PDB file of all heavy atoms in Angstrom:
ATOM      1  N   ILE A   1      18.827  -9.334  -5.357  1.00  0.00           N
ATOM      2  CA  ILE A   1      17.523  -8.685  -5.488  1.00  0.00           C
ATOM      3  C   ILE A   1      17.585  -7.318  -4.820  1.00  0.00           C
ATOM      4  O   ILE A   1      18.272  -7.134  -3.823  1.00  0.00           O
ATOM      5  CB  ILE A   1      16.380  -9.531  -4.901  1.00  0.00           C
ATOM      6  CG1 ILE A   1      15.039  -8.893  -5.253  1.00  0.00           C
ATOM      7  CG2 ILE A   1      16.539  -9.738  -3.418  1.00  0.00           C
ATOM      8  CD1 ILE A   1      13.863  -9.818  -5.065  1.00  0.00           C
ATOM      9  N   ALA A   2      16.867  -6.358  -5.430  1.00  0.00           N
ATOM     10  CA  ALA A   2      16.807  -5.014  -4.863  1.00  0.00           C
ATOM     11  C   ALA A   2      15.388  -4.499  -4.976  1.00  0.00           C
ATOM     12  O   ALA A   2      14.599  -4.976  -5.795  1.00  0.00           O
ATOM     13  CB  ALA A   2      17.764  -4.078  -5.592  1.00  0.00           C
ATOM     14  N   GLN A   3      15.091  -3.531  -4.158  1.00  0.00           N
ATOM     15  CA  GLN A   3      13.770  -2.909  -4.177  1.00  0.00           C
ATOM     16  C   GLN A   3      13.952  -1.402  -4.094  1.00  0.00           C
ATOM     17  O   GLN A   3      14.733  -0.903  -3.306  1.00  0.00           O
ATOM     18  CB  GLN A   3      12.944  -3.371  -2.986  1.00  0.00           C
ATOM     19  CG  GLN A   3      11.641  -2.619  -2.839  1.00  0.00           C
ATOM     20  CD  GLN A   3      10.984  -2.875  -1.501  1.00  0.00           C
ATOM     21  OE1 GLN A   3      11.385  -3.761  -0.773  1.00  0.00           O
ATOM     22  NE2 GLN A   3       9.989  -2.096  -1.180  1.00  0.00           N
ATOM     23  N   TRP A   4      13.217  -0.708  -4.932  1.00  0.00           N
ATOM     24  CA  TRP A   4      13.155   0.737  -4.842  1.00  0.00           C
ATOM     25  C   TRP A   4      11.709   1.109  -4.587  1.00  0.00           C
ATOM     26  O   TRP A   4      10.809   0.623  -5.270  1.00  0.00           O
ATOM     27  CB  TRP A   4      13.630   1.400  -6.132  1.00  0.00           C
ATOM     28  CG  TRP A   4      15.112   1.388  -6.294  1.00  0.00           C
ATOM     29  CD1 TRP A   4      15.998   2.298  -5.801  1.00  0.00           C
ATOM     30  CD2 TRP A   4      15.904   0.444  -7.010  1.00  0.00           C
ATOM     31  NE1 TRP A   4      17.282   1.971  -6.162  1.00  0.00           N
ATOM     32  CE2 TRP A   4      17.247   0.834  -6.913  1.00  0.00           C
ATOM     33  CE3 TRP A   4      15.600  -0.718  -7.735  1.00  0.00           C
ATOM     34  CZ2 TRP A   4      18.285   0.127  -7.501  1.00  0.00           C
ATOM     35  CZ3 TRP A   4      16.629  -1.416  -8.312  1.00  0.00           C
ATOM     36  CH2 TRP A   4      17.955  -1.001  -8.189  1.00  0.00           C
ATOM     37  N   GLY A   5      11.481   1.968  -3.611  1.00  0.00           N
ATOM     38  CA  GLY A   5      10.137   2.462  -3.325  1.00  0.00           C
ATOM     39  C   GLY A   5       9.867   3.720  -4.108  1.00  0.00           C
ATOM     40  O   GLY A   5      10.777   4.387  -4.594  1.00  0.00           O
ATOM     41  N   TYR A   6       8.614   4.063  -4.232  1.00  0.00           N
ATOM     42  CA  TYR A   6       8.215   5.247  -4.979  1.00  0.00           C
ATOM     43  C   TYR A   6       8.930   6.476  -4.443  1.00  0.00           C
ATOM     44  O   TYR A   6       8.844   6.793  -3.262  1.00  0.00           O
ATOM     45  CB  TYR A   6       6.696   5.443  -4.879  1.00  0.00           C
ATOM     46  CG  TYR A   6       6.210   6.667  -5.602  1.00  0.00           C
ATOM     47  CD1 TYR A   6       6.115   6.665  -6.986  1.00  0.00           C
ATOM     48  CD2 TYR A   6       5.881   7.813  -4.905  1.00  0.00           C
ATOM     49  CE1 TYR A   6       5.681   7.781  -7.662  1.00  0.00           C
ATOM     50  CE2 TYR A   6       5.447   8.934  -5.579  1.00  0.00           C
ATOM     51  CZ  TYR A   6       5.346   8.924  -6.956  1.00  0.00           C
ATOM     52  OH  TYR A   6       4.928  10.029  -7.615  1.00  0.00           O
ATOM     53  N   GLY A   7       9.672   7.146  -5.290  1.00  0.00           N
ATOM     54  CA  GLY A   7      10.377   8.354  -4.895  1.00  0.00           C
ATOM     55  C   GLY A   7      11.671   8.102  -4.141  1.00  0.00           C
ATOM     56  O   GLY A   7      12.358   9.039  -3.774  1.00  0.00           O
ATOM     57  N   LEU A   8      12.018   6.848  -3.897  1.00  0.00           N
ATOM     58  CA  LEU A   8      13.244   6.533  -3.169  1.00  0.00           C
ATOM     59  C   LEU A   8      14.265   5.952  -4.124  1.00  0.00           C
ATOM     60  O   LEU A   8      13.947   5.145  -4.968  1.00  0.00           O
ATOM     61  CB  LEU A   8      12.971   5.521  -2.049  1.00  0.00           C
ATOM     62  CG  LEU A   8      11.972   5.957  -0.990  1.00  0.00           C
ATOM     63  CD1 LEU A   8      11.724   4.802  -0.033  1.00  0.00           C
ATOM     64  CD2 LEU A   8      12.472   7.167  -0.235  1.00  0.00           C
ATOM     65  N   ASN A   9      15.510   6.339  -3.976  1.00  0.00           N
ATOM     66  CA  ASN A   9      16.565   5.812  -4.814  1.00  0.00           C
ATOM     67  C   ASN A   9      17.577   5.060  -3.972  1.00  0.00           C
ATOM     68  O   ASN A   9      18.745   5.397  -3.919  1.00  0.00           O
ATOM     69  CB  ASN A   9      17.254   6.958  -5.582  1.00  0.00           C
ATOM     70  CG  ASN A   9      16.345   7.539  -6.621  1.00  0.00           C
ATOM     71  OD1 ASN A   9      15.559   6.827  -7.228  1.00  0.00           O
ATOM     72  ND2 ASN A   9      16.435   8.830  -6.837  1.00  0.00           N
ATOM     73  N   VAL A  10      17.085   4.044  -3.260  1.00  0.00           N
ATOM     74  CA  VAL A  10      17.961   3.232  -2.429  1.00  0.00           C
ATOM     75  C   VAL A  10      17.718   1.770  -2.727  1.00  0.00           C
ATOM     76  O   VAL A  10      16.660   1.381  -3.195  1.00  0.00           O
ATOM     77  CB  VAL A  10      17.743   3.494  -0.920  1.00  0.00           C
ATOM     78  CG1 VAL A  10      18.132   4.901  -0.570  1.00  0.00           C
ATOM     79  CG2 VAL A  10      16.319   3.224  -0.514  1.00  0.00           C
ATOM     80  N   GLY A  11      18.692   0.949  -2.453  1.00  0.00           N
ATOM     81  CA  GLY A  11      18.560  -0.476  -2.687  1.00  0.00           C
ATOM     82  C   GLY A  11      18.251  -1.224  -1.407  1.00  0.00           C
ATOM     83  O   GLY A  11      18.161  -0.656  -0.328  1.00  0.00           O
ATOM     84  N   VAL A  12      18.120  -2.531  -1.526  1.00  0.00           N
ATOM     85  CA  VAL A  12      17.872  -3.376  -0.376  1.00  0.00           C
ATOM     86  C   VAL A  12      19.096  -3.342   0.525  1.00  0.00           C
ATOM     87  O   VAL A  12      20.220  -3.324   0.080  1.00  0.00           O
ATOM     88  CB  VAL A  12      17.576  -4.807  -0.849  1.00  0.00           C
ATOM     89  CG1 VAL A  12      17.492  -5.756   0.319  1.00  0.00           C
ATOM     90  CG2 VAL A  12      16.303  -4.819  -1.656  1.00  0.00           C
ATOM     91  N   GLY A  13      18.871  -3.355   1.821  1.00  0.00           N
ATOM     92  CA  GLY A  13      19.973  -3.302   2.773  1.00  0.00           C
ATOM     93  C   GLY A  13      20.361  -1.871   3.090  1.00  0.00           C
ATOM     94  O   GLY A  13      21.451  -1.614   3.524  1.00  0.00           O
ATOM     95  N   GLU A  14      19.458  -0.939   2.861  1.00  0.00           N
ATOM     96  CA  GLU A  14      19.760   0.461   3.076  1.00  0.00           C
ATOM     97  C   GLU A  14      19.716   0.827   4.553  1.00  0.00           C
ATOM     98  O   GLU A  14      19.410   0.018   5.396  1.00  0.00           O
ATOM     99  CB  GLU A  14      18.788   1.347   2.288  1.00  0.00           C
ATOM    100  CG  GLU A  14      17.363   1.299   2.765  1.00  0.00           C
ATOM    101  CD  GLU A  14      16.548   0.224   2.118  1.00  0.00           C
ATOM    102  OE1 GLU A  14      17.092  -0.714   1.564  1.00  0.00           O
ATOM    103  OE2 GLU A  14      15.338   0.322   2.192  1.00  0.00           O
ATOM    104  N   LEU A  15      20.005   2.081   4.838  1.00  0.00           N
ATOM    105  CA  LEU A  15      19.863   2.693   6.155  1.00  0.00           C
ATOM    106  C   LEU A  15      20.795   2.106   7.205  1.00  0.00           C
ATOM    107  O   LEU A  15      20.463   2.042   8.377  1.00  0.00           O
ATOM    108  CB  LEU A  15      18.403   2.614   6.646  1.00  0.00           C
ATOM    109  CG  LEU A  15      17.361   3.198   5.712  1.00  0.00           C
ATOM    110  CD1 LEU A  15      15.973   2.964   6.280  1.00  0.00           C
ATOM    111  CD2 LEU A  15      17.599   4.666   5.470  1.00  0.00           C
ATOM    112  N   GLY A  16      21.980   1.667   6.811  1.00  0.00           N
ATOM    113  CA  GLY A  16      22.994   1.291   7.768  1.00  0.00           C
ATOM    114  C   GLY A  16      22.902  -0.103   8.350  1.00  0.00           C
ATOM    115  O   GLY A  16      23.598  -0.418   9.290  1.00  0.00           O
ATOM    116  N   VAL A  17      22.065  -0.964   7.829  1.00  0.00           N
ATOM    117  CA  VAL A  17      21.993  -2.329   8.325  1.00  0.00           C
ATOM    118  C   VAL A  17      23.066  -3.151   7.614  1.00  0.00           C
ATOM    119  O   VAL A  17      23.163  -3.136   6.400  1.00  0.00           O
ATOM    120  CB  VAL A  17      20.602  -2.952   8.066  1.00  0.00           C
ATOM    121  CG1 VAL A  17      20.545  -4.361   8.621  1.00  0.00           C
ATOM    122  CG2 VAL A  17      19.518  -2.093   8.667  1.00  0.00           C
ATOM    123  N   ARG A  18      23.869  -3.865   8.373  1.00  0.00           N
ATOM    124  CA  ARG A  18      24.919  -4.681   7.767  1.00  0.00           C
ATOM    125  C   ARG A  18      24.356  -6.050   7.401  1.00  0.00           C
ATOM    126  O   ARG A  18      23.520  -6.605   8.112  1.00  0.00           O
ATOM    127  CB  ARG A  18      26.079  -4.839   8.741  1.00  0.00           C
ATOM    128  CG  ARG A  18      26.797  -3.546   9.012  1.00  0.00           C
ATOM    129  CD  ARG A  18      28.088  -3.755   9.779  1.00  0.00           C
ATOM    130  NE  ARG A  18      28.163  -5.017  10.489  1.00  0.00           N
ATOM    131  CZ  ARG A  18      28.227  -5.128  11.804  1.00  0.00           C
ATOM    132  NH1 ARG A  18      28.214  -4.075  12.570  1.00  0.00           N
ATOM    133  NH2 ARG A  18      28.315  -6.315  12.372  1.00  0.00           N
ATOM    134  N   SER A  19      24.847  -6.621   6.300  1.00  0.00           N
ATOM    135  CA  SER A  19      24.333  -7.906   5.826  1.00  0.00           C
ATOM    136  C   SER A  19      24.646  -9.055   6.775  1.00  0.00           C
ATOM    137  O   SER A  19      23.962 -10.072   6.757  1.00  0.00           O
ATOM    138  CB  SER A  19      24.873  -8.206   4.430  1.00  0.00           C
ATOM    139  OG  SER A  19      26.275  -8.326   4.469  1.00  0.00           O
ATOM    140  N   ASP A  20      25.662  -8.916   7.629  1.00  0.00           N
ATOM    141  CA  ASP A  20      25.979  -9.989   8.579  1.00  0.00           C
ATOM    142  C   ASP A  20      25.061  -9.974   9.800  1.00  0.00           C
ATOM    143  O   ASP A  20      25.203 -10.784  10.701  1.00  0.00           O
ATOM    144  CB  ASP A  20      27.443  -9.930   8.997  1.00  0.00           C
ATOM    145  CG  ASP A  20      27.798  -8.689   9.807  1.00  0.00           C
ATOM    146  OD1 ASP A  20      26.977  -7.745   9.870  1.00  0.00           O
ATOM    147  OD2 ASP A  20      28.904  -8.660  10.368  1.00  0.00           O
ATOM    148  N   GLU A  21      24.095  -9.060   9.831  1.00  0.00           N
ATOM    149  CA  GLU A  21      23.161  -8.978  10.953  1.00  0.00           C
ATOM    150  C   GLU A  21      21.946  -9.876  10.771  1.00  0.00           C
ATOM    151  O   GLU A  21      21.047  -9.877  11.602  1.00  0.00           O
ATOM    152  CB  GLU A  21      22.711  -7.526  11.167  1.00  0.00           C
ATOM    153  CG  GLU A  21      23.828  -6.637  11.643  1.00  0.00           C
ATOM    154  CD  GLU A  21      23.373  -5.225  11.941  1.00  0.00           C
ATOM    155  OE1 GLU A  21      22.203  -5.031  12.306  1.00  0.00           O
ATOM    156  OE2 GLU A  21      24.205  -4.318  11.826  1.00  0.00           O
ATOM    157  N   LEU A  22      21.902 -10.645   9.686  1.00  0.00           N
ATOM    158  CA  LEU A  22      20.757 -11.505   9.412  1.00  0.00           C
ATOM    159  C   LEU A  22      21.216 -12.824   8.827  1.00  0.00           C
ATOM    160  O   LEU A  22      21.992 -12.860   7.882  1.00  0.00           O
ATOM    161  CB  LEU A  22      19.808 -10.821   8.417  1.00  0.00           C
ATOM    162  CG  LEU A  22      18.633 -11.652   7.899  1.00  0.00           C
ATOM    163  CD1 LEU A  22      17.660 -11.978   9.024  1.00  0.00           C
ATOM    164  CD2 LEU A  22      17.916 -10.915   6.788  1.00  0.00           C
ATOM    165  N   GLY A  23      20.705 -13.920   9.401  1.00  0.00           N
ATOM    166  CA  GLY A  23      20.944 -15.242   8.850  1.00  0.00           C
ATOM    167  C   GLY A  23      19.613 -15.925   8.600  1.00  0.00           C
ATOM    168  O   GLY A  23      18.703 -15.855   9.436  1.00  0.00           O
ATOM    169  N   VAL A  24      19.468 -16.532   7.439  1.00  0.00           N
ATOM    170  CA  VAL A  24      18.275 -17.314   7.110  1.00  0.00           C
ATOM    171  C   VAL A  24      18.764 -18.667   6.634  1.00  0.00           C
ATOM    172  O   VAL A  24      19.485 -18.757   5.638  1.00  0.00           O
ATOM    173  CB  VAL A  24      17.418 -16.626   6.026  1.00  0.00           C
ATOM    174  CG1 VAL A  24      16.192 -17.465   5.714  1.00  0.00           C
ATOM    175  CG2 VAL A  24      16.996 -15.236   6.467  1.00  0.00           C
ATOM    176  N   TYR A  25      18.378 -19.726   7.332  1.00  0.00           N
ATOM    177  CA  TYR A  25      18.874 -21.056   6.992  1.00  0.00           C
ATOM    178  C   TYR A  25      17.864 -22.113   7.396  1.00  0.00           C
ATOM    179  O   TYR A  25      16.991 -21.840   8.217  1.00  0.00           O
ATOM    180  CB  TYR A  25      20.241 -21.294   7.668  1.00  0.00           C
ATOM    181  CG  TYR A  25      20.240 -21.068   9.157  1.00  0.00           C
ATOM    182  CD1 TYR A  25      19.910 -22.105  10.037  1.00  0.00           C
ATOM    183  CD2 TYR A  25      20.555 -19.825   9.700  1.00  0.00           C
ATOM    184  CE1 TYR A  25      19.906 -21.910  11.411  1.00  0.00           C
ATOM    185  CE2 TYR A  25      20.554 -19.623  11.083  1.00  0.00           C
ATOM    186  CZ  TYR A  25      20.231 -20.664  11.917  1.00  0.00           C
ATOM    187  OH  TYR A  25      20.221 -20.472  13.274  1.00  0.00           O
ATOM    188  N   PRO A  26      17.919 -23.328   6.847  1.00  0.00           N
ATOM    189  CA  PRO A  26      18.796 -23.733   5.745  1.00  0.00           C
ATOM    190  C   PRO A  26      18.295 -23.144   4.425  1.00  0.00           C
ATOM    191  O   PRO A  26      17.142 -22.757   4.311  1.00  0.00           O
ATOM    192  CB  PRO A  26      18.670 -25.255   5.732  1.00  0.00           C
ATOM    193  CG  PRO A  26      17.286 -25.519   6.255  1.00  0.00           C
ATOM    194  CD  PRO A  26      17.020 -24.422   7.254  1.00  0.00           C
ATOM    195  N   ASN A  27      19.153 -23.111   3.463  1.00  0.00           N
ATOM    196  CA  ASN A  27      18.796 -22.634   2.133  1.00  0.00           C
ATOM    197  C   ASN A  27      19.593 -23.434   1.110  1.00  0.00           C
ATOM    198  O   ASN A  27      20.802 -23.299   1.070  1.00  0.00           O
ATOM    199  CB  ASN A  27      19.096 -21.149   2.001  1.00  0.00           C
ATOM    200  CG  ASN A  27      18.448 -20.541   0.781  1.00  0.00           C
ATOM    201  OD1 ASN A  27      17.616 -21.143   0.133  1.00  0.00           O
ATOM    202  ND2 ASN A  27      18.861 -19.333   0.470  1.00  0.00           N
ATOM    203  N   PRO A  28      18.930 -24.284   0.340  1.00  0.00           N
ATOM    204  CA  PRO A  28      17.484 -24.466   0.200  1.00  0.00           C
ATOM    205  C   PRO A  28      16.866 -25.129   1.430  1.00  0.00           C
ATOM    206  O   PRO A  28      17.538 -25.797   2.194  1.00  0.00           O
ATOM    207  CB  PRO A  28      17.327 -25.345  -1.030  1.00  0.00           C
ATOM    208  CG  PRO A  28      18.651 -25.970  -1.267  1.00  0.00           C
ATOM    209  CD  PRO A  28      19.674 -25.099  -0.614  1.00  0.00           C
ATOM    210  N   ALA A  29      15.558 -24.904   1.588  1.00  0.00           N
ATOM    211  CA  ALA A  29      14.810 -25.406   2.737  1.00  0.00           C
ATOM    212  C   ALA A  29      13.734 -26.383   2.287  1.00  0.00           C
ATOM    213  O   ALA A  29      13.352 -26.403   1.119  1.00  0.00           O
ATOM    214  CB  ALA A  29      14.177 -24.232   3.480  1.00  0.00           C
ATOM    215  N   THR A  30      13.240 -27.179   3.242  1.00  0.00           N
ATOM    216  CA  THR A  30      12.157 -28.113   2.922  1.00  0.00           C
ATOM    217  C   THR A  30      10.941 -27.921   3.817  1.00  0.00           C
ATOM    218  O   THR A  30       9.835 -27.797   3.334  1.00  0.00           O
ATOM    219  CB  THR A  30      12.632 -29.574   3.020  1.00  0.00           C
ATOM    220  OG1 THR A  30      13.213 -29.776   4.308  1.00  0.00           O
ATOM    221  CG2 THR A  30      13.626 -29.910   1.933  1.00  0.00           C
ATOM    222  N   ASN A  31      11.121 -27.882   5.136  1.00  0.00           N
ATOM    223  CA  ASN A  31       9.997 -27.810   6.060  1.00  0.00           C
ATOM    224  C   ASN A  31       9.925 -26.530   6.879  1.00  0.00           C
ATOM    225  O   ASN A  31       8.849 -26.035   7.163  1.00  0.00           O
ATOM    226  CB  ASN A  31      10.014 -29.000   7.022  1.00  0.00           C
ATOM    227  CG  ASN A  31       9.823 -30.300   6.292  1.00  0.00           C
ATOM    228  OD1 ASN A  31       9.014 -30.374   5.383  1.00  0.00           O
ATOM    229  ND2 ASN A  31      10.584 -31.313   6.667  1.00  0.00           N
TER     230      ASN A  31
END
């Protein structure tokens, strides 16, 4: 998934944030 804001040509995860800096679990989730 990606997001572009009005007038911006960047994707999700922009501005130097590394993808290994975030964990979301469990996936799939129940509660």
